[in-house]
mmCIF file of all heavy atoms, coordinates in Angstrom:
data_MODEL
# 
_entry.id   MODEL 
# 
loop_
_atom_site.group_PDB 
_atom_site.id 
_atom_site.type_symbol 
_atom_site.label_atom_id 
_atom_site.label_alt_id 
_atom_site.label_comp_id 
_atom_site.label_asym_id 
_atom_site.label_entity_id 
_atom_site.label_seq_id 
_atom_site.pdbx_PDB_ins_code 
_atom_site.Cartn_x 
_atom_site.Cartn_y 
_atom_site.Cartn_z 
_atom_site.occupancy 
_atom_site.B_iso_or_equiv 
_atom_site.pdbx_formal_charge 
_atom_site.auth_seq_id 
_atom_site.auth_comp_id 
_atom_site.auth_asym_id 
_atom_site.auth_atom_id 
_atom_site.pdbx_PDB_model_num 
ATOM 1   N N   . ARG A 1 1  ? -36.286 6.175  -2.646 1.00 0.00 ? 1  ARG A N   1 
ATOM 2   C CA  . ARG A 1 1  ? -35.517 5.189  -1.782 1.00 0.00 ? 1  ARG A CA  1 
ATOM 3   C C   . ARG A 1 1  ? -34.308 4.612  -2.367 1.00 0.00 ? 1  ARG A C   1 
ATOM 4   O O   . ARG A 1 1  ? -33.486 4.058  -1.659 1.00 0.00 ? 1  ARG A O   1 
ATOM 5   C CB  . ARG A 1 1  ? -36.597 4.046  -1.352 1.00 0.00 ? 1  ARG A CB  1 
ATOM 6   C CG  . ARG A 1 1  ? -37.749 4.437  -0.421 1.00 0.00 ? 1  ARG A CG  1 
ATOM 7   C CD  . ARG A 1 1  ? -38.741 3.304  -0.382 1.00 0.00 ? 1  ARG A CD  1 
ATOM 8   N NE  . ARG A 1 1  ? -39.587 3.317  -1.624 1.00 0.00 ? 1  ARG A NE  1 
ATOM 9   C CZ  . ARG A 1 1  ? -40.659 2.595  -1.903 1.00 0.00 ? 1  ARG A CZ  1 
ATOM 10  N NH1 . ARG A 1 1  ? -41.029 1.818  -0.857 1.00 0.00 ? 1  ARG A NH1 1 
ATOM 11  N NH2 . ARG A 1 1  ? -41.454 2.648  -2.958 1.00 0.00 ? 1  ARG A NH2 1 
ATOM 12  N N   . LEU A 1 2  ? -34.234 4.756  -3.624 1.00 0.00 ? 2  LEU A N   1 
ATOM 13  C CA  . LEU A 1 2  ? -33.105 4.251  -4.358 1.00 0.00 ? 2  LEU A CA  1 
ATOM 14  C C   . LEU A 1 2  ? -31.755 4.873  -3.912 1.00 0.00 ? 2  LEU A C   1 
ATOM 15  O O   . LEU A 1 2  ? -30.741 4.180  -3.737 1.00 0.00 ? 2  LEU A O   1 
ATOM 16  C CB  . LEU A 1 2  ? -33.171 4.540  -5.875 1.00 0.00 ? 2  LEU A CB  1 
ATOM 17  C CG  . LEU A 1 2  ? -34.159 3.513  -6.532 1.00 0.00 ? 2  LEU A CG  1 
ATOM 18  C CD1 . LEU A 1 2  ? -34.497 4.134  -7.909 1.00 0.00 ? 2  LEU A CD1 1 
ATOM 19  C CD2 . LEU A 1 2  ? -33.659 2.094  -6.608 1.00 0.00 ? 2  LEU A CD2 1 
ATOM 20  N N   . LYS A 1 3  ? -31.638 6.069  -3.417 1.00 0.00 ? 3  LYS A N   1 
ATOM 21  C CA  . LYS A 1 3  ? -30.539 6.738  -3.013 1.00 0.00 ? 3  LYS A CA  1 
ATOM 22  C C   . LYS A 1 3  ? -30.161 6.051  -1.593 1.00 0.00 ? 3  LYS A C   1 
ATOM 23  O O   . LYS A 1 3  ? -28.816 5.751  -1.389 1.00 0.00 ? 3  LYS A O   1 
ATOM 24  C CB  . LYS A 1 3  ? -30.732 8.229  -2.539 1.00 0.00 ? 3  LYS A CB  1 
ATOM 25  C CG  . LYS A 1 3  ? -31.038 9.059  -3.861 1.00 0.00 ? 3  LYS A CG  1 
ATOM 26  C CD  . LYS A 1 3  ? -31.329 10.548 -3.418 1.00 0.00 ? 3  LYS A CD  1 
ATOM 27  C CE  . LYS A 1 3  ? -31.539 11.349 -4.677 1.00 0.00 ? 3  LYS A CE  1 
ATOM 28  N NZ  . LYS A 1 3  ? -31.947 12.780 -4.321 1.00 0.00 ? 3  LYS A NZ  1 
ATOM 29  N N   . PHE A 1 4  ? -30.992 5.644  -0.718 1.00 0.00 ? 4  PHE A N   1 
ATOM 30  C CA  . PHE A 1 4  ? -30.746 4.925  0.414  1.00 0.00 ? 4  PHE A CA  1 
ATOM 31  C C   . PHE A 1 4  ? -30.044 3.545  0.301  1.00 0.00 ? 4  PHE A C   1 
ATOM 32  O O   . PHE A 1 4  ? -28.954 3.328  0.558  1.00 0.00 ? 4  PHE A O   1 
ATOM 33  C CB  . PHE A 1 4  ? -32.040 4.754  1.303  1.00 0.00 ? 4  PHE A CB  1 
ATOM 34  C CG  . PHE A 1 4  ? -31.976 3.889  2.382  1.00 0.00 ? 4  PHE A CG  1 
ATOM 35  C CD1 . PHE A 1 4  ? -31.566 4.370  3.691  1.00 0.00 ? 4  PHE A CD1 1 
ATOM 36  C CD2 . PHE A 1 4  ? -32.287 2.527  2.329  1.00 0.00 ? 4  PHE A CD2 1 
ATOM 37  C CE1 . PHE A 1 4  ? -31.481 3.612  4.812  1.00 0.00 ? 4  PHE A CE1 1 
ATOM 38  C CE2 . PHE A 1 4  ? -32.256 1.728  3.499  1.00 0.00 ? 4  PHE A CE2 1 
ATOM 39  C CZ  . PHE A 1 4  ? -31.854 2.264  4.617  1.00 0.00 ? 4  PHE A CZ  1 
ATOM 40  N N   . TYR A 1 5  ? -30.743 2.851  -0.765 1.00 0.00 ? 5  TYR A N   1 
ATOM 41  C CA  . TYR A 1 5  ? -30.251 1.471  -0.986 1.00 0.00 ? 5  TYR A CA  1 
ATOM 42  C C   . TYR A 1 5  ? -28.779 1.524  -1.743 1.00 0.00 ? 5  TYR A C   1 
ATOM 43  O O   . TYR A 1 5  ? -27.940 0.611  -1.491 1.00 0.00 ? 5  TYR A O   1 
ATOM 44  C CB  . TYR A 1 5  ? -31.342 0.629  -1.638 1.00 0.00 ? 5  TYR A CB  1 
ATOM 45  C CG  . TYR A 1 5  ? -32.353 0.295  -0.698 1.00 0.00 ? 5  TYR A CG  1 
ATOM 46  C CD1 . TYR A 1 5  ? -33.548 0.908  -0.732 1.00 0.00 ? 5  TYR A CD1 1 
ATOM 47  C CD2 . TYR A 1 5  ? -32.256 -0.708 0.291  1.00 0.00 ? 5  TYR A CD2 1 
ATOM 48  C CE1 . TYR A 1 5  ? -34.576 0.579  0.022  1.00 0.00 ? 5  TYR A CE1 1 
ATOM 49  C CE2 . TYR A 1 5  ? -33.229 -0.938 1.096  1.00 0.00 ? 5  TYR A CE2 1 
ATOM 50  C CZ  . TYR A 1 5  ? -34.454 -0.414 0.940  1.00 0.00 ? 5  TYR A CZ  1 
ATOM 51  O OH  . TYR A 1 5  ? -35.507 -0.674 1.928  1.00 0.00 ? 5  TYR A OH  1 
ATOM 52  N N   . LYS A 1 6  ? -28.779 2.432  -2.750 1.00 0.00 ? 6  LYS A N   1 
ATOM 53  C CA  . LYS A 1 6  ? -27.570 2.489  -3.512 1.00 0.00 ? 6  LYS A CA  1 
ATOM 54  C C   . LYS A 1 6  ? -26.348 3.027  -2.533 1.00 0.00 ? 6  LYS A C   1 
ATOM 55  O O   . LYS A 1 6  ? -25.291 2.469  -2.738 1.00 0.00 ? 6  LYS A O   1 
ATOM 56  C CB  . LYS A 1 6  ? -27.693 3.474  -4.682 1.00 0.00 ? 6  LYS A CB  1 
ATOM 57  C CG  . LYS A 1 6  ? -28.576 2.947  -5.718 1.00 0.00 ? 6  LYS A CG  1 
ATOM 58  C CD  . LYS A 1 6  ? -28.636 3.838  -6.907 1.00 0.00 ? 6  LYS A CD  1 
ATOM 59  C CE  . LYS A 1 6  ? -29.433 3.334  -8.114 1.00 0.00 ? 6  LYS A CE  1 
ATOM 60  N NZ  . LYS A 1 6  ? -29.450 4.293  -9.305 1.00 0.00 ? 6  LYS A NZ  1 
ATOM 61  N N   . GLY A 1 7  ? -26.689 3.931  -1.768 1.00 0.00 ? 7  GLY A N   1 
ATOM 62  C CA  . GLY A 1 7  ? -25.510 4.413  -0.839 1.00 0.00 ? 7  GLY A CA  1 
ATOM 63  C C   . GLY A 1 7  ? -25.109 3.255  0.025  1.00 0.00 ? 7  GLY A C   1 
ATOM 64  O O   . GLY A 1 7  ? -23.820 2.989  0.201  1.00 0.00 ? 7  GLY A O   1 
ATOM 65  N N   . ILE A 1 8  ? -25.990 2.393  0.641  1.00 0.00 ? 8  ILE A N   1 
ATOM 66  C CA  . ILE A 1 8  ? -25.633 1.316  1.488  1.00 0.00 ? 8  ILE A CA  1 
ATOM 67  C C   . ILE A 1 8  ? -24.812 0.285  0.721  1.00 0.00 ? 8  ILE A C   1 
ATOM 68  O O   . ILE A 1 8  ? -23.893 -0.365 1.135  1.00 0.00 ? 8  ILE A O   1 
ATOM 69  C CB  . ILE A 1 8  ? -26.868 0.703  2.176  1.00 0.00 ? 8  ILE A CB  1 
ATOM 70  C CG1 . ILE A 1 8  ? -27.377 1.616  3.242  1.00 0.00 ? 8  ILE A CG1 1 
ATOM 71  C CG2 . ILE A 1 8  ? -26.448 -0.615 2.802  1.00 0.00 ? 8  ILE A CG2 1 
ATOM 72  C CD1 . ILE A 1 8  ? -28.713 1.244  3.864  1.00 0.00 ? 8  ILE A CD1 1 
ATOM 73  N N   . LEU A 1 9  ? -25.295 -0.026 -0.570 1.00 0.00 ? 9  LEU A N   1 
ATOM 74  C CA  . LEU A 1 9  ? -24.565 -1.052 -1.378 1.00 0.00 ? 9  LEU A CA  1 
ATOM 75  C C   . LEU A 1 9  ? -23.227 -0.589 -1.626 1.00 0.00 ? 9  LEU A C   1 
ATOM 76  O O   . LEU A 1 9  ? -22.292 -1.498 -1.520 1.00 0.00 ? 9  LEU A O   1 
ATOM 77  C CB  . LEU A 1 9  ? -25.403 -1.166 -2.675 1.00 0.00 ? 9  LEU A CB  1 
ATOM 78  C CG  . LEU A 1 9  ? -24.716 -2.159 -3.754 1.00 0.00 ? 9  LEU A CG  1 
ATOM 79  C CD1 . LEU A 1 9  ? -24.700 -3.546 -3.074 1.00 0.00 ? 9  LEU A CD1 1 
ATOM 80  C CD2 . LEU A 1 9  ? -25.563 -2.251 -5.041 1.00 0.00 ? 9  LEU A CD2 1 
ATOM 81  N N   . LEU A 1 10 ? -22.903 0.636  -1.837 1.00 0.00 ? 10 LEU A N   1 
ATOM 82  C CA  . LEU A 1 10 ? -21.527 1.042  -2.015 1.00 0.00 ? 10 LEU A CA  1 
ATOM 83  C C   . LEU A 1 10 ? -20.746 0.867  -0.821 1.00 0.00 ? 10 LEU A C   1 
ATOM 84  O O   . LEU A 1 10 ? -19.472 0.538  -0.854 1.00 0.00 ? 10 LEU A O   1 
ATOM 85  C CB  . LEU A 1 10 ? -21.453 2.592  -2.493 1.00 0.00 ? 10 LEU A CB  1 
ATOM 86  C CG  . LEU A 1 10 ? -22.090 2.820  -3.929 1.00 0.00 ? 10 LEU A CG  1 
ATOM 87  C CD1 . LEU A 1 10 ? -22.183 4.428  -4.136 1.00 0.00 ? 10 LEU A CD1 1 
ATOM 88  C CD2 . LEU A 1 10 ? -21.077 2.188  -4.973 1.00 0.00 ? 10 LEU A CD2 1 
ATOM 89  N N   . VAL A 1 11 ? -21.247 1.047  0.279  1.00 0.00 ? 11 VAL A N   1 
ATOM 90  C CA  . VAL A 1 11 ? -20.550 0.851  1.621  1.00 0.00 ? 11 VAL A CA  1 
ATOM 91  C C   . VAL A 1 11 ? -20.246 -0.583 1.797  1.00 0.00 ? 11 VAL A C   1 
ATOM 92  O O   . VAL A 1 11 ? -19.111 -1.032 2.040  1.00 0.00 ? 11 VAL A O   1 
ATOM 93  C CB  . VAL A 1 11 ? -21.381 1.380  2.812  1.00 0.00 ? 11 VAL A CB  1 
ATOM 94  C CG1 . VAL A 1 11 ? -20.574 1.046  4.206  1.00 0.00 ? 11 VAL A CG1 1 
ATOM 95  C CG2 . VAL A 1 11 ? -21.713 2.832  2.664  1.00 0.00 ? 11 VAL A CG2 1 
ATOM 96  N N   . ILE A 1 12 ? -21.250 -1.549 1.508  1.00 0.00 ? 12 ILE A N   1 
ATOM 97  C CA  . ILE A 1 12 ? -21.038 -2.952 1.573  1.00 0.00 ? 12 ILE A CA  1 
ATOM 98  C C   . ILE A 1 12 ? -19.939 -3.330 0.646  1.00 0.00 ? 12 ILE A C   1 
ATOM 99  O O   . ILE A 1 12 ? -18.992 -4.187 1.045  1.00 0.00 ? 12 ILE A O   1 
ATOM 100 C CB  . ILE A 1 12 ? -22.358 -3.671 1.293  1.00 0.00 ? 12 ILE A CB  1 
ATOM 101 C CG1 . ILE A 1 12 ? -23.219 -3.415 2.460  1.00 0.00 ? 12 ILE A CG1 1 
ATOM 102 C CG2 . ILE A 1 12 ? -22.120 -5.246 1.094  1.00 0.00 ? 12 ILE A CG2 1 
ATOM 103 C CD1 . ILE A 1 12 ? -24.686 -4.016 2.286  1.00 0.00 ? 12 ILE A CD1 1 
ATOM 104 N N   . ASP A 1 13 ? -20.014 -2.841 -0.614 1.00 0.00 ? 13 ASP A N   1 
ATOM 105 C CA  . ASP A 1 13 ? -18.911 -3.213 -1.611 1.00 0.00 ? 13 ASP A CA  1 
ATOM 106 C C   . ASP A 1 13 ? -17.659 -2.618 -1.465 1.00 0.00 ? 13 ASP A C   1 
ATOM 107 O O   . ASP A 1 13 ? -16.627 -2.901 -2.129 1.00 0.00 ? 13 ASP A O   1 
ATOM 108 C CB  . ASP A 1 13 ? -19.515 -3.055 -2.950 1.00 0.00 ? 13 ASP A CB  1 
ATOM 109 C CG  . ASP A 1 13 ? -20.559 -3.916 -3.416 1.00 0.00 ? 13 ASP A CG  1 
ATOM 110 O OD1 . ASP A 1 13 ? -20.630 -5.006 -2.749 1.00 0.00 ? 13 ASP A OD1 1 
ATOM 111 O OD2 . ASP A 1 13 ? -21.364 -3.673 -4.306 1.00 0.00 ? 13 ASP A OD2 1 
ATOM 112 N N   . GLY A 1 14 ? -17.605 -1.536 -0.557 1.00 0.00 ? 14 GLY A N   1 
ATOM 113 C CA  . GLY A 1 14 ? -16.357 -0.796 -0.321 1.00 0.00 ? 14 GLY A CA  1 
ATOM 114 C C   . GLY A 1 14 ? -15.999 -0.045 -1.517 1.00 0.00 ? 14 GLY A C   1 
ATOM 115 O O   . GLY A 1 14 ? -14.687 0.261  -1.825 1.00 0.00 ? 14 GLY A O   1 
ATOM 116 N N   . LYS A 1 15 ? -16.873 0.502  -2.319 1.00 0.00 ? 15 LYS A N   1 
ATOM 117 C CA  . LYS A 1 15 ? -16.560 1.265  -3.522 1.00 0.00 ? 15 LYS A CA  1 
ATOM 118 C C   . LYS A 1 15 ? -17.104 2.592  -3.447 1.00 0.00 ? 15 LYS A C   1 
ATOM 119 O O   . LYS A 1 15 ? -18.103 2.960  -2.816 1.00 0.00 ? 15 LYS A O   1 
ATOM 120 C CB  . LYS A 1 15 ? -17.390 0.541  -4.671 1.00 0.00 ? 15 LYS A CB  1 
ATOM 121 C CG  . LYS A 1 15 ? -16.818 -0.916 -5.024 1.00 0.00 ? 15 LYS A CG  1 
ATOM 122 C CD  . LYS A 1 15 ? -17.686 -1.404 -6.133 1.00 0.00 ? 15 LYS A CD  1 
ATOM 123 C CE  . LYS A 1 15 ? -17.286 -2.875 -6.547 1.00 0.00 ? 15 LYS A CE  1 
ATOM 124 N NZ  . LYS A 1 15 ? -18.083 -3.378 -7.666 1.00 0.00 ? 15 LYS A NZ  1 
ATOM 125 N N   . ASN A 1 16 ? -16.303 3.546  -4.112 1.00 0.00 ? 16 ASN A N   1 
ATOM 126 C CA  . ASN A 1 16 ? -16.742 5.006  -4.257 1.00 0.00 ? 16 ASN A CA  1 
ATOM 127 C C   . ASN A 1 16 ? -17.282 5.554  -2.953 1.00 0.00 ? 16 ASN A C   1 
ATOM 128 O O   . ASN A 1 16 ? -18.459 5.875  -2.994 1.00 0.00 ? 16 ASN A O   1 
ATOM 129 C CB  . ASN A 1 16 ? -17.794 5.130  -5.350 1.00 0.00 ? 16 ASN A CB  1 
ATOM 130 C CG  . ASN A 1 16 ? -17.651 6.419  -6.002 1.00 0.00 ? 16 ASN A CG  1 
ATOM 131 O OD1 . ASN A 1 16 ? -17.349 7.394  -5.321 1.00 0.00 ? 16 ASN A OD1 1 
ATOM 132 N ND2 . ASN A 1 16 ? -18.183 6.548  -7.145 1.00 0.00 ? 16 ASN A ND2 1 
ATOM 133 N N   . PRO A 1 17 ? -16.468 5.732  -1.904 1.00 0.00 ? 17 PRO A N   1 
ATOM 134 C CA  . PRO A 1 17 ? -17.061 6.263  -0.654 1.00 0.00 ? 17 PRO A CA  1 
ATOM 135 C C   . PRO A 1 17 ? -17.657 7.642  -0.768 1.00 0.00 ? 17 PRO A C   1 
ATOM 136 O O   . PRO A 1 17 ? -18.584 7.999  0.007  1.00 0.00 ? 17 PRO A O   1 
ATOM 137 C CB  . PRO A 1 17 ? -15.723 6.275  0.269  1.00 0.00 ? 17 PRO A CB  1 
ATOM 138 C CG  . PRO A 1 17 ? -14.712 6.116  -0.567 1.00 0.00 ? 17 PRO A CG  1 
ATOM 139 C CD  . PRO A 1 17 ? -15.130 5.368  -1.867 1.00 0.00 ? 17 PRO A CD  1 
ATOM 140 N N   . SER A 1 18 ? -17.121 8.465  -1.629 1.00 0.00 ? 18 SER A N   1 
ATOM 141 C CA  . SER A 1 18 ? -17.620 9.786  -1.688 1.00 0.00 ? 18 SER A CA  1 
ATOM 142 C C   . SER A 1 18 ? -19.093 9.775  -2.414 1.00 0.00 ? 18 SER A C   1 
ATOM 143 O O   . SER A 1 18 ? -19.946 10.553 -1.935 1.00 0.00 ? 18 SER A O   1 
ATOM 144 C CB  . SER A 1 18 ? -16.737 10.672 -2.653 1.00 0.00 ? 18 SER A CB  1 
ATOM 145 O OG  . SER A 1 18 ? -16.633 10.136 -3.999 1.00 0.00 ? 18 SER A OG  1 
ATOM 146 N N   . GLU A 1 19 ? -19.356 8.880  -3.296 1.00 0.00 ? 19 GLU A N   1 
ATOM 147 C CA  . GLU A 1 19 ? -20.574 8.662  -3.814 1.00 0.00 ? 19 GLU A CA  1 
ATOM 148 C C   . GLU A 1 19 ? -21.526 8.135  -2.764 1.00 0.00 ? 19 GLU A C   1 
ATOM 149 O O   . GLU A 1 19 ? -22.815 8.509  -2.720 1.00 0.00 ? 19 GLU A O   1 
ATOM 150 C CB  . GLU A 1 19 ? -20.568 7.767  -5.153 1.00 0.00 ? 19 GLU A CB  1 
ATOM 151 C CG  . GLU A 1 19 ? -21.895 7.562  -5.744 1.00 0.00 ? 19 GLU A CG  1 
ATOM 152 C CD  . GLU A 1 19 ? -22.663 8.717  -6.403 1.00 0.00 ? 19 GLU A CD  1 
ATOM 153 O OE1 . GLU A 1 19 ? -21.995 9.886  -6.435 1.00 0.00 ? 19 GLU A OE1 1 
ATOM 154 O OE2 . GLU A 1 19 ? -23.734 8.678  -6.823 1.00 0.00 ? 19 GLU A OE2 1 
ATOM 155 N N   . ALA A 1 20 ? -21.080 7.109  -1.916 1.00 0.00 ? 20 ALA A N   1 
ATOM 156 C CA  . ALA A 1 20 ? -21.917 6.656  -0.896 1.00 0.00 ? 20 ALA A CA  1 
ATOM 157 C C   . ALA A 1 20 ? -22.385 7.594  0.054  1.00 0.00 ? 20 ALA A C   1 
ATOM 158 O O   . ALA A 1 20 ? -23.504 7.782  0.545  1.00 0.00 ? 20 ALA A O   1 
ATOM 159 C CB  . ALA A 1 20 ? -21.167 5.517  -0.227 1.00 0.00 ? 20 ALA A CB  1 
ATOM 160 N N   . GLU A 1 21 ? -21.363 8.440  0.489  1.00 0.00 ? 21 GLU A N   1 
ATOM 161 C CA  . GLU A 1 21 ? -21.768 9.534  1.275  1.00 0.00 ? 21 GLU A CA  1 
ATOM 162 C C   . GLU A 1 21 ? -22.769 10.541 0.856  1.00 0.00 ? 21 GLU A C   1 
ATOM 163 O O   . GLU A 1 21 ? -23.713 10.875 1.393  1.00 0.00 ? 21 GLU A O   1 
ATOM 164 C CB  . GLU A 1 21 ? -20.406 10.270 1.665  1.00 0.00 ? 21 GLU A CB  1 
ATOM 165 C CG  . GLU A 1 21 ? -20.621 11.440 2.712  1.00 0.00 ? 21 GLU A CG  1 
ATOM 166 C CD  . GLU A 1 21 ? -19.325 12.303 2.924  1.00 0.00 ? 21 GLU A CD  1 
ATOM 167 O OE1 . GLU A 1 21 ? -18.483 12.432 1.949  1.00 0.00 ? 21 GLU A OE1 1 
ATOM 168 O OE2 . GLU A 1 21 ? -19.175 12.724 4.138  1.00 0.00 ? 21 GLU A OE2 1 
ATOM 169 N N   . SER A 1 22 ? -22.538 10.803 -0.530 1.00 0.00 ? 22 SER A N   1 
ATOM 170 C CA  . SER A 1 22 ? -23.525 11.804 -1.156 1.00 0.00 ? 22 SER A CA  1 
ATOM 171 C C   . SER A 1 22 ? -24.836 11.212 -1.314 1.00 0.00 ? 22 SER A C   1 
ATOM 172 O O   . SER A 1 22 ? -25.852 11.954 -0.989 1.00 0.00 ? 22 SER A O   1 
ATOM 173 C CB  . SER A 1 22 ? -22.992 12.097 -2.550 1.00 0.00 ? 22 SER A CB  1 
ATOM 174 O OG  . SER A 1 22 ? -23.893 12.948 -3.274 1.00 0.00 ? 22 SER A OG  1 
ATOM 175 N N   . LEU A 1 23 ? -25.019 9.946  -1.632 1.00 0.00 ? 23 LEU A N   1 
ATOM 176 C CA  . LEU A 1 23 ? -26.327 9.375  -1.738 1.00 0.00 ? 23 LEU A CA  1 
ATOM 177 C C   . LEU A 1 23 ? -27.017 9.274  -0.384 1.00 0.00 ? 23 LEU A C   1 
ATOM 178 O O   . LEU A 1 23 ? -28.199 9.680  -0.173 1.00 0.00 ? 23 LEU A O   1 
ATOM 179 C CB  . LEU A 1 23 ? -26.172 7.968  -2.193 1.00 0.00 ? 23 LEU A CB  1 
ATOM 180 C CG  . LEU A 1 23 ? -25.813 7.874  -3.847 1.00 0.00 ? 23 LEU A CG  1 
ATOM 181 C CD1 . LEU A 1 23 ? -25.525 6.452  -4.141 1.00 0.00 ? 23 LEU A CD1 1 
ATOM 182 C CD2 . LEU A 1 23 ? -27.056 8.276  -4.663 1.00 0.00 ? 23 LEU A CD2 1 
ATOM 183 N N   . LEU A 1 24 ? -26.321 8.851  0.714  1.00 0.00 ? 24 LEU A N   1 
ATOM 184 C CA  . LEU A 1 24 ? -26.975 8.774  1.948  1.00 0.00 ? 24 LEU A CA  1 
ATOM 185 C C   . LEU A 1 24 ? -27.338 10.167 2.540  1.00 0.00 ? 24 LEU A C   1 
ATOM 186 O O   . LEU A 1 24 ? -28.410 10.237 3.114  1.00 0.00 ? 24 LEU A O   1 
ATOM 187 C CB  . LEU A 1 24 ? -26.054 8.015  2.893  1.00 0.00 ? 24 LEU A CB  1 
ATOM 188 C CG  . LEU A 1 24 ? -25.866 6.527  2.638  1.00 0.00 ? 24 LEU A CG  1 
ATOM 189 C CD1 . LEU A 1 24 ? -24.754 5.962  3.579  1.00 0.00 ? 24 LEU A CD1 1 
ATOM 190 C CD2 . LEU A 1 24 ? -27.163 5.848  3.076  1.00 0.00 ? 24 LEU A CD2 1 
# 
C-alpha cells in the first residue's frame, strides 16, 4: 500500500511526476 500513498503524496506536493507515475 505504500506505493499507492507515496505516489499520491508526490502528486499533492507537485514533486517528481515520473516517480509518482511509476509508483501508482
